[in-house]
N, C-alpha and C. Protein backbone atom coordinates (compact mmCIF):
# COMPACT_ATOMS: atom_id res chain seq x y z
N UNK A 1 0.83 -1.16 0.00
CA UNK A 1 0.00 0.00 0.00
C UNK A 1 0.89 1.24 0.00
N UNK A 2 0.48 2.24 -0.74
CA UNK A 2 1.20 3.52 -0.75
C UNK A 2 0.36 4.56 -0.04
N UNK A 3 1.02 5.44 0.66
CA UNK A 3 0.31 6.50 1.38
C UNK A 3 1.00 7.82 1.13
N UNK A 4 0.28 8.89 1.40
CA UNK A 4 0.83 10.21 1.19
C UNK A 4 0.72 10.97 2.51
N UNK A 5 1.78 11.67 2.87
CA UNK A 5 1.79 12.46 4.08
C UNK A 5 1.81 13.92 3.69
N UNK A 6 0.90 14.69 4.24
CA UNK A 6 0.86 16.12 3.96
C UNK A 6 1.61 16.84 5.07
N UNK A 7 2.55 17.69 4.69
CA UNK A 7 3.40 18.37 5.66
C UNK A 7 2.82 19.67 6.17
N UNK A 8 1.67 20.09 5.68
CA UNK A 8 0.97 21.28 6.18
C UNK A 8 1.87 22.50 6.24
N UNK A 9 2.47 22.83 5.12
CA UNK A 9 3.35 24.00 5.08
C UNK A 9 2.62 25.31 5.40
N UNK A 10 1.29 25.29 5.33
CA UNK A 10 0.54 26.50 5.64
C UNK A 10 0.31 26.68 7.14
N UNK A 11 0.65 25.67 7.93
CA UNK A 11 0.50 25.75 9.38
C UNK A 11 1.69 26.49 10.00
N UNK A 12 1.49 27.08 11.19
CA UNK A 12 2.60 27.78 11.85
C UNK A 12 3.77 26.83 12.17
N UNK A 13 4.96 27.38 12.20
CA UNK A 13 6.17 26.60 12.48
C UNK A 13 6.05 25.86 13.81
N UNK A 14 5.51 26.52 14.82
CA UNK A 14 5.38 25.91 16.13
C UNK A 14 4.52 24.64 16.06
N UNK A 15 3.43 24.72 15.31
CA UNK A 15 2.54 23.57 15.17
C UNK A 15 3.26 22.41 14.48
N UNK A 16 3.97 22.73 13.41
CA UNK A 16 4.69 21.67 12.67
C UNK A 16 5.77 21.04 13.53
N UNK A 17 6.44 21.84 14.36
CA UNK A 17 7.44 21.29 15.26
C UNK A 17 6.82 20.38 16.31
N UNK A 18 5.67 20.78 16.83
CA UNK A 18 4.96 19.96 17.81
C UNK A 18 4.53 18.63 17.21
N UNK A 19 4.03 18.67 15.99
CA UNK A 19 3.62 17.44 15.32
C UNK A 19 4.83 16.51 15.16
N UNK A 20 5.96 17.05 14.77
CA UNK A 20 7.17 16.23 14.61
C UNK A 20 7.58 15.61 15.94
N UNK A 21 7.50 16.38 17.02
CA UNK A 21 7.84 15.86 18.35
C UNK A 21 6.91 14.72 18.74
N UNK A 22 5.63 14.90 18.50
CA UNK A 22 4.65 13.87 18.87
C UNK A 22 4.81 12.61 18.03
N UNK A 23 5.14 12.79 16.76
CA UNK A 23 5.40 11.61 15.92
C UNK A 23 6.60 10.83 16.46
N UNK A 24 7.65 11.55 16.86
CA UNK A 24 8.84 10.91 17.41
C UNK A 24 8.50 10.17 18.70
N UNK A 25 7.71 10.79 19.56
CA UNK A 25 7.31 10.15 20.82
C UNK A 25 6.49 8.89 20.55
N UNK A 26 5.58 8.96 19.59
CA UNK A 26 4.72 7.81 19.31
C UNK A 26 5.53 6.66 18.73
N UNK A 27 6.39 6.98 17.76
CA UNK A 27 7.35 6.02 17.24
C UNK A 27 6.80 4.78 16.55
N UNK A 28 5.64 4.86 15.94
CA UNK A 28 5.07 3.71 15.25
C UNK A 28 5.32 3.81 13.75
N UNK A 29 5.50 2.68 13.11
CA UNK A 29 5.63 2.65 11.66
C UNK A 29 6.65 3.64 11.13
N UNK A 30 6.18 4.56 10.32
CA UNK A 30 7.06 5.56 9.69
C UNK A 30 7.04 6.90 10.43
N UNK A 31 6.59 6.90 11.68
CA UNK A 31 6.50 8.15 12.45
C UNK A 31 7.85 8.86 12.56
N UNK A 32 8.87 8.14 12.97
CA UNK A 32 10.17 8.78 13.22
C UNK A 32 10.79 9.31 11.93
N UNK A 33 10.84 8.52 10.84
CA UNK A 33 11.38 9.09 9.60
C UNK A 33 10.57 10.27 9.08
N UNK A 34 9.25 10.24 9.28
CA UNK A 34 8.42 11.35 8.85
C UNK A 34 8.71 12.59 9.67
N UNK A 35 8.90 12.42 10.97
CA UNK A 35 9.23 13.56 11.84
C UNK A 35 10.58 14.15 11.44
N UNK A 36 11.56 13.29 11.16
CA UNK A 36 12.88 13.80 10.72
C UNK A 36 12.75 14.59 9.43
N UNK A 37 11.95 14.09 8.52
CA UNK A 37 11.74 14.78 7.24
C UNK A 37 11.09 16.14 7.47
N UNK A 38 10.09 16.17 8.34
CA UNK A 38 9.43 17.44 8.64
C UNK A 38 10.40 18.45 9.25
N UNK A 39 11.25 18.00 10.16
CA UNK A 39 12.22 18.90 10.77
C UNK A 39 13.24 19.40 9.76
N UNK A 40 13.66 18.54 8.82
CA UNK A 40 14.56 18.98 7.75
C UNK A 40 13.88 20.04 6.89
N UNK A 41 12.59 19.84 6.59
CA UNK A 41 11.85 20.82 5.80
C UNK A 41 11.78 22.16 6.53
N UNK A 42 11.55 22.10 7.84
CA UNK A 42 11.48 23.34 8.61
C UNK A 42 12.81 24.08 8.58
N UNK A 43 13.91 23.33 8.66
CA UNK A 43 15.23 23.96 8.59
C UNK A 43 15.47 24.62 7.24
N UNK A 44 14.98 23.97 6.18
CA UNK A 44 15.22 24.48 4.83
C UNK A 44 14.33 25.64 4.46
N UNK A 45 13.01 25.50 4.68
CA UNK A 45 12.09 26.51 4.18
C UNK A 45 11.61 27.47 5.24
N UNK A 46 11.71 27.09 6.53
CA UNK A 46 11.26 27.96 7.60
C UNK A 46 9.77 28.21 7.52
N UNK A 47 9.33 29.34 8.05
CA UNK A 47 7.90 29.62 8.03
C UNK A 47 7.39 29.83 6.60
N UNK A 48 6.17 29.41 6.39
CA UNK A 48 5.56 29.56 5.07
C UNK A 48 5.28 31.03 4.81
N UNK A 49 5.62 31.46 3.62
CA UNK A 49 5.33 32.85 3.23
C UNK A 49 4.55 32.80 1.94
N UNK A 50 3.43 33.49 1.92
CA UNK A 50 2.62 33.50 0.69
C UNK A 50 2.89 34.72 -0.14
C-alpha cells in the first residue's frame, strides 16, 4: 500500500514542530522518519510565506 503524508506547510512553524515531536514520541511505523523529514523541511524553508 502507498500512502501520502501532507506536511501542512501553511500551518505555523510551532505547530509543525509539535507534530514532529509527537510523531517521534509515538514512534510507530514511519513516524520517526516522517518527523525527521518534517524537521529537515522546517530547517530548509522555515515559516511559510505567501
